[in-house]
Amino acid sequence: MPVVDCRGLACPQPVITTKQALDQLKDGELLVIVDNASSCNNVERFVRSQGCSVDIKESGPDFYIHINKATGKGEEEKIQPDEKGKKVVVYINSQLLGGGDEALGSFLMKAFLKPS
């Protein structure tokens, strides 16, 4: 199982590093280690948004985030258009997704808008 040690990294770096590791992982397990609750929560939210299951263990100051990525998981949850070629308009009135850390909000918005 690959291990990604993000201790000592400030947000949004643990989320970015986790995303890079998940992109390289076809399926299976990944362990991410962070050293603060904020990073743990952000990584957990991101990983769940990617359709992965998560189990978190706390040991001292560290959080061990066990991620399970299954191939094809989440595919059935994607919204299918009712008609082929149907146009959709989305209005976004912010450069950021969510509130709080601007760098994380910018990263999350880019990931949200990235075509799959």
N, C-alpha and C. Protein backbone atom coordinates (compact mmCIF):
# COMPACT_ATOMS: atom_id res chain seq x y z
N MET A 1 0.85 -1.17 0.00
CA MET A 1 0.00 0.00 0.00
C MET A 1 0.90 1.24 0.00
N PRO A 2 0.68 2.16 -0.94
CA PRO A 2 1.46 3.39 -0.97
C PRO A 2 1.15 4.25 0.26
N VAL A 3 2.18 4.93 0.77
CA VAL A 3 2.03 5.82 1.92
C VAL A 3 2.46 7.22 1.49
N VAL A 4 1.60 8.21 1.79
CA VAL A 4 1.89 9.60 1.49
C VAL A 4 1.98 10.33 2.82
N ASP A 5 3.18 10.81 3.16
CA ASP A 5 3.41 11.49 4.42
C ASP A 5 3.32 13.00 4.20
N CYS A 6 2.25 13.60 4.69
CA CYS A 6 2.01 15.03 4.52
C CYS A 6 2.22 15.80 5.83
N ARG A 7 2.87 15.18 6.79
CA ARG A 7 3.11 15.89 8.05
C ARG A 7 4.01 17.09 7.80
N GLY A 8 3.64 18.20 8.41
CA GLY A 8 4.43 19.42 8.27
C GLY A 8 4.02 20.27 7.07
N LEU A 9 3.11 19.78 6.24
CA LEU A 9 2.67 20.54 5.07
C LEU A 9 1.43 21.36 5.41
N ALA A 10 1.41 22.61 4.95
CA ALA A 10 0.27 23.49 5.18
C ALA A 10 -0.77 23.28 4.08
N CYS A 11 -2.03 23.51 4.42
CA CYS A 11 -3.10 23.42 3.43
C CYS A 11 -2.87 24.46 2.34
N PRO A 12 -3.14 24.12 1.12
CA PRO A 12 -3.85 22.95 0.61
C PRO A 12 -2.93 21.83 0.15
N GLN A 13 -1.64 21.88 0.52
CA GLN A 13 -0.68 20.90 0.00
C GLN A 13 -1.05 19.45 0.30
N PRO A 14 -1.56 19.10 1.49
CA PRO A 14 -1.96 17.70 1.71
C PRO A 14 -3.05 17.24 0.73
N VAL A 15 -3.99 18.11 0.40
CA VAL A 15 -5.05 17.75 -0.56
C VAL A 15 -4.45 17.57 -1.95
N ILE A 16 -3.58 18.48 -2.34
CA ILE A 16 -2.94 18.40 -3.66
C ILE A 16 -2.10 17.14 -3.77
N THR A 17 -1.33 16.83 -2.75
CA THR A 17 -0.47 15.65 -2.75
C THR A 17 -1.33 14.38 -2.79
N THR A 18 -2.43 14.37 -2.04
CA THR A 18 -3.34 13.23 -2.05
C THR A 18 -3.96 13.04 -3.43
N LYS A 19 -4.36 14.14 -4.06
CA LYS A 19 -4.94 14.06 -5.41
C LYS A 19 -3.94 13.46 -6.39
N GLN A 20 -2.69 13.89 -6.31
CA GLN A 20 -1.67 13.36 -7.21
C GLN A 20 -1.48 11.86 -6.99
N ALA A 21 -1.47 11.43 -5.74
CA ALA A 21 -1.32 10.00 -5.43
C ALA A 21 -2.53 9.21 -5.90
N LEU A 22 -3.73 9.75 -5.72
CA LEU A 22 -4.94 9.06 -6.19
C LEU A 22 -4.97 8.95 -7.70
N ASP A 23 -4.50 9.99 -8.40
CA ASP A 23 -4.46 9.96 -9.86
C ASP A 23 -3.55 8.85 -10.37
N GLN A 24 -2.48 8.55 -9.63
CA GLN A 24 -1.54 7.50 -10.02
C GLN A 24 -2.02 6.11 -9.63
N LEU A 25 -2.97 6.05 -8.70
CA LEU A 25 -3.47 4.77 -8.17
C LEU A 25 -4.69 4.33 -8.97
N LYS A 26 -4.58 3.20 -9.67
CA LYS A 26 -5.71 2.71 -10.47
C LYS A 26 -6.83 2.26 -9.54
N ASP A 27 -6.52 1.39 -8.61
CA ASP A 27 -7.44 1.01 -7.56
C ASP A 27 -6.62 0.41 -6.42
N GLY A 28 -7.26 0.25 -5.27
CA GLY A 28 -6.56 -0.29 -4.12
C GLY A 28 -6.56 0.69 -2.96
N GLU A 29 -5.56 0.53 -2.10
CA GLU A 29 -5.50 1.32 -0.88
C GLU A 29 -4.35 2.31 -0.91
N LEU A 30 -4.55 3.40 -0.16
CA LEU A 30 -3.56 4.45 -0.02
C LEU A 30 -3.63 4.93 1.42
N LEU A 31 -2.48 5.20 2.02
CA LEU A 31 -2.43 5.73 3.38
C LEU A 31 -1.85 7.13 3.31
N VAL A 32 -2.59 8.11 3.85
CA VAL A 32 -2.12 9.49 3.92
C VAL A 32 -1.98 9.84 5.39
N ILE A 33 -0.83 10.42 5.76
CA ILE A 33 -0.57 10.81 7.14
C ILE A 33 -0.49 12.33 7.20
N VAL A 34 -1.30 12.93 8.08
CA VAL A 34 -1.27 14.38 8.31
C VAL A 34 -1.12 14.63 9.80
N ASP A 35 -0.75 15.85 10.14
CA ASP A 35 -0.48 16.13 11.55
C ASP A 35 -1.39 17.21 12.16
N ASN A 36 -2.53 17.50 11.48
CA ASN A 36 -3.48 18.43 12.09
C ASN A 36 -4.89 18.12 11.62
N ALA A 37 -5.87 18.49 12.44
CA ALA A 37 -7.27 18.16 12.17
C ALA A 37 -7.79 18.84 10.91
N SER A 38 -7.36 20.05 10.64
CA SER A 38 -7.82 20.78 9.46
C SER A 38 -7.42 20.05 8.18
N SER A 39 -6.17 19.64 8.08
CA SER A 39 -5.71 18.89 6.91
C SER A 39 -6.44 17.56 6.81
N CYS A 40 -6.67 16.91 7.93
CA CYS A 40 -7.39 15.64 7.94
C CYS A 40 -8.80 15.82 7.37
N ASN A 41 -9.51 16.85 7.83
CA ASN A 41 -10.86 17.10 7.35
C ASN A 41 -10.88 17.43 5.86
N ASN A 42 -9.93 18.25 5.42
CA ASN A 42 -9.88 18.64 4.00
C ASN A 42 -9.57 17.45 3.10
N VAL A 43 -8.61 16.61 3.51
CA VAL A 43 -8.28 15.42 2.72
C VAL A 43 -9.47 14.46 2.70
N GLU A 44 -10.11 14.28 3.85
CA GLU A 44 -11.26 13.38 3.91
C GLU A 44 -12.38 13.85 2.98
N ARG A 45 -12.71 15.14 3.02
CA ARG A 45 -13.77 15.67 2.15
C ARG A 45 -13.41 15.48 0.67
N PHE A 46 -12.15 15.77 0.32
CA PHE A 46 -11.73 15.63 -1.06
C PHE A 46 -11.84 14.17 -1.52
N VAL A 47 -11.33 13.26 -0.70
CA VAL A 47 -11.30 11.84 -1.07
C VAL A 47 -12.72 11.29 -1.22
N ARG A 48 -13.60 11.66 -0.31
CA ARG A 48 -15.00 11.21 -0.41
C ARG A 48 -15.64 11.77 -1.68
N SER A 49 -15.29 13.00 -2.05
CA SER A 49 -15.85 13.59 -3.27
C SER A 49 -15.39 12.85 -4.52
N GLN A 50 -14.30 12.09 -4.40
CA GLN A 50 -13.77 11.32 -5.51
C GLN A 50 -14.34 9.90 -5.53
N GLY A 51 -15.27 9.60 -4.61
CA GLY A 51 -15.93 8.29 -4.60
C GLY A 51 -15.17 7.22 -3.84
N CYS A 52 -14.19 7.61 -3.04
CA CYS A 52 -13.40 6.63 -2.28
C CYS A 52 -13.96 6.48 -0.87
N SER A 53 -13.72 5.32 -0.27
CA SER A 53 -14.09 5.13 1.13
C SER A 53 -12.89 5.52 2.00
N VAL A 54 -13.18 5.98 3.21
CA VAL A 54 -12.15 6.52 4.09
C VAL A 54 -12.32 5.98 5.50
N ASP A 55 -11.20 5.65 6.13
CA ASP A 55 -11.18 5.27 7.54
C ASP A 55 -10.04 6.04 8.19
N ILE A 56 -10.33 6.76 9.28
CA ILE A 56 -9.33 7.63 9.91
C ILE A 56 -9.01 7.12 11.30
N LYS A 57 -7.72 7.01 11.58
CA LYS A 57 -7.24 6.64 12.91
C LYS A 57 -6.34 7.78 13.41
N GLU A 58 -6.54 8.16 14.66
CA GLU A 58 -5.72 9.21 15.27
C GLU A 58 -4.74 8.56 16.24
N SER A 59 -3.47 8.93 16.12
CA SER A 59 -2.44 8.41 17.01
C SER A 59 -1.53 9.55 17.41
N GLY A 60 -1.67 10.00 18.64
CA GLY A 60 -0.90 11.15 19.09
C GLY A 60 -1.31 12.37 18.28
N PRO A 61 -0.34 13.12 17.76
CA PRO A 61 -0.68 14.32 16.98
C PRO A 61 -1.02 14.01 15.51
N ASP A 62 -0.85 12.75 15.12
CA ASP A 62 -1.00 12.39 13.71
C ASP A 62 -2.34 11.73 13.41
N PHE A 63 -2.80 11.92 12.16
CA PHE A 63 -4.01 11.30 11.66
C PHE A 63 -3.62 10.39 10.50
N TYR A 64 -4.04 9.15 10.55
CA TYR A 64 -3.76 8.17 9.51
C TYR A 64 -5.04 7.96 8.71
N ILE A 65 -5.03 8.41 7.47
CA ILE A 65 -6.22 8.36 6.62
C ILE A 65 -6.07 7.19 5.66
N HIS A 66 -6.82 6.13 5.89
CA HIS A 66 -6.79 4.94 5.04
C HIS A 66 -7.84 5.13 3.95
N ILE A 67 -7.40 5.15 2.72
CA ILE A 67 -8.28 5.42 1.57
C ILE A 67 -8.37 4.16 0.73
N ASN A 68 -9.59 3.82 0.33
CA ASN A 68 -9.81 2.67 -0.54
C ASN A 68 -10.44 3.18 -1.83
N LYS A 69 -9.71 3.03 -2.94
CA LYS A 69 -10.20 3.47 -4.25
C LYS A 69 -10.55 2.23 -5.05
N ALA A 70 -11.82 2.11 -5.42
CA ALA A 70 -12.28 0.97 -6.22
C ALA A 70 -12.51 1.42 -7.65
N THR A 71 -12.03 0.66 -8.62
CA THR A 71 -12.23 0.99 -10.02
C THR A 71 -13.70 1.01 -10.34
N GLY A 72 -14.12 2.07 -11.04
CA GLY A 72 -15.51 2.18 -11.46
C GLY A 72 -16.44 2.69 -10.39
N LYS A 73 -15.97 2.80 -9.16
CA LYS A 73 -16.83 3.28 -8.10
C LYS A 73 -17.17 4.74 -8.35
N GLY A 74 -18.42 5.08 -8.21
CA GLY A 74 -18.87 6.44 -8.41
C GLY A 74 -19.34 6.71 -9.83
N GLU A 75 -19.04 5.81 -10.76
CA GLU A 75 -19.44 6.02 -12.15
C GLU A 75 -20.96 6.04 -12.27
N GLU A 76 -21.63 5.18 -11.48
CA GLU A 76 -23.08 5.13 -11.59
C GLU A 76 -23.73 6.36 -10.99
N GLU A 77 -22.99 7.13 -10.20
CA GLU A 77 -23.54 8.31 -9.56
C GLU A 77 -23.48 9.54 -10.46
N LYS A 78 -22.75 9.49 -11.56
CA LYS A 78 -22.66 10.63 -12.44
C LYS A 78 -24.01 10.90 -13.08
N ILE A 79 -24.34 12.15 -13.22
CA ILE A 79 -25.60 12.54 -13.82
C ILE A 79 -25.50 12.39 -15.33
N GLN A 80 -26.45 11.68 -15.90
CA GLN A 80 -26.50 11.50 -17.34
C GLN A 80 -27.49 12.49 -17.92
N PRO A 81 -27.15 13.14 -19.02
CA PRO A 81 -28.08 14.10 -19.62
C PRO A 81 -29.32 13.37 -20.15
N ASP A 82 -30.48 14.04 -20.05
CA ASP A 82 -31.72 13.48 -20.56
C ASP A 82 -31.71 13.38 -22.08
N GLU A 83 -31.09 14.34 -22.72
CA GLU A 83 -31.04 14.36 -24.17
C GLU A 83 -29.60 14.58 -24.61
N LYS A 84 -29.21 13.92 -25.71
CA LYS A 84 -27.87 14.14 -26.23
C LYS A 84 -27.77 15.57 -26.75
N GLY A 85 -26.65 16.21 -26.46
CA GLY A 85 -26.40 17.55 -26.97
C GLY A 85 -27.14 18.63 -26.20
N LYS A 86 -27.78 18.30 -25.10
CA LYS A 86 -28.50 19.29 -24.31
C LYS A 86 -27.51 20.29 -23.73
N LYS A 87 -27.82 21.56 -23.88
CA LYS A 87 -26.95 22.63 -23.39
C LYS A 87 -27.29 22.96 -21.95
N VAL A 88 -26.26 23.19 -21.15
CA VAL A 88 -26.43 23.56 -19.75
C VAL A 88 -25.61 24.81 -19.49
N VAL A 89 -26.20 25.76 -18.81
CA VAL A 89 -25.50 26.99 -18.44
C VAL A 89 -25.37 27.01 -16.93
N VAL A 90 -24.15 27.26 -16.46
CA VAL A 90 -23.90 27.34 -15.03
C VAL A 90 -23.29 28.70 -14.73
N TYR A 91 -23.85 29.41 -13.76
CA TYR A 91 -23.32 30.71 -13.36
C TYR A 91 -22.55 30.54 -12.06
N ILE A 92 -21.30 30.96 -12.08
CA ILE A 92 -20.45 30.88 -10.89
C ILE A 92 -20.02 32.30 -10.56
N ASN A 93 -20.31 32.74 -9.35
CA ASN A 93 -20.02 34.12 -8.99
C ASN A 93 -18.82 34.26 -8.06
N SER A 94 -17.91 33.30 -8.11
CA SER A 94 -16.73 33.35 -7.26
C SER A 94 -15.58 32.62 -7.93
N GLN A 95 -14.37 33.02 -7.59
CA GLN A 95 -13.18 32.32 -8.07
C GLN A 95 -12.85 31.13 -7.18
N LEU A 96 -13.51 31.06 -6.03
CA LEU A 96 -13.18 30.06 -5.02
C LEU A 96 -14.37 29.14 -4.77
N LEU A 97 -14.08 27.93 -4.33
CA LEU A 97 -15.11 26.99 -3.90
C LEU A 97 -15.01 26.88 -2.39
N GLY A 98 -16.08 27.19 -1.69
CA GLY A 98 -16.08 27.14 -0.24
C GLY A 98 -15.58 28.44 0.36
N GLY A 99 -15.35 28.42 1.65
CA GLY A 99 -14.86 29.59 2.37
C GLY A 99 -13.62 29.23 3.15
N GLY A 100 -12.86 30.23 3.52
CA GLY A 100 -11.64 29.97 4.29
C GLY A 100 -10.40 30.20 3.47
N ASP A 101 -9.52 29.23 3.44
CA ASP A 101 -8.23 29.34 2.77
C ASP A 101 -8.40 29.57 1.27
N GLU A 102 -7.88 30.69 0.77
CA GLU A 102 -8.04 31.04 -0.65
C GLU A 102 -7.32 30.07 -1.58
N ALA A 103 -6.14 29.61 -1.21
CA ALA A 103 -5.39 28.69 -2.06
C ALA A 103 -6.16 27.37 -2.21
N LEU A 104 -6.72 26.87 -1.12
CA LEU A 104 -7.50 25.64 -1.17
C LEU A 104 -8.77 25.86 -1.99
N GLY A 105 -9.46 26.98 -1.79
CA GLY A 105 -10.67 27.28 -2.54
C GLY A 105 -10.41 27.37 -4.02
N SER A 106 -9.29 27.95 -4.40
CA SER A 106 -8.91 28.05 -5.81
C SER A 106 -8.63 26.67 -6.40
N PHE A 107 -7.89 25.85 -5.67
CA PHE A 107 -7.58 24.49 -6.11
C PHE A 107 -8.86 23.67 -6.28
N LEU A 108 -9.76 23.77 -5.30
CA LEU A 108 -10.99 23.00 -5.37
C LEU A 108 -11.87 23.44 -6.55
N MET A 109 -11.89 24.75 -6.84
CA MET A 109 -12.68 25.25 -7.97
C MET A 109 -12.10 24.70 -9.29
N LYS A 110 -10.77 24.70 -9.41
CA LYS A 110 -10.15 24.17 -10.62
C LYS A 110 -10.47 22.68 -10.77
N ALA A 111 -10.44 21.94 -9.67
CA ALA A 111 -10.75 20.51 -9.73
C ALA A 111 -12.22 20.29 -10.08
N PHE A 112 -13.11 21.16 -9.57
CA PHE A 112 -14.53 21.05 -9.85
C PHE A 112 -14.83 21.30 -11.32
N LEU A 113 -14.14 22.28 -11.90
CA LEU A 113 -14.40 22.66 -13.29
C LEU A 113 -13.66 21.81 -14.30
N LYS A 114 -12.71 21.00 -13.86
CA LYS A 114 -11.93 20.17 -14.77
C LYS A 114 -12.83 19.13 -15.42
N PRO A 115 -12.82 19.06 -16.76
CA PRO A 115 -13.65 18.04 -17.42
C PRO A 115 -13.14 16.64 -17.09
N SER A 116 -14.08 15.70 -16.92
CA SER A 116 -13.67 14.33 -16.60
C SER A 116 -13.47 13.48 -17.80
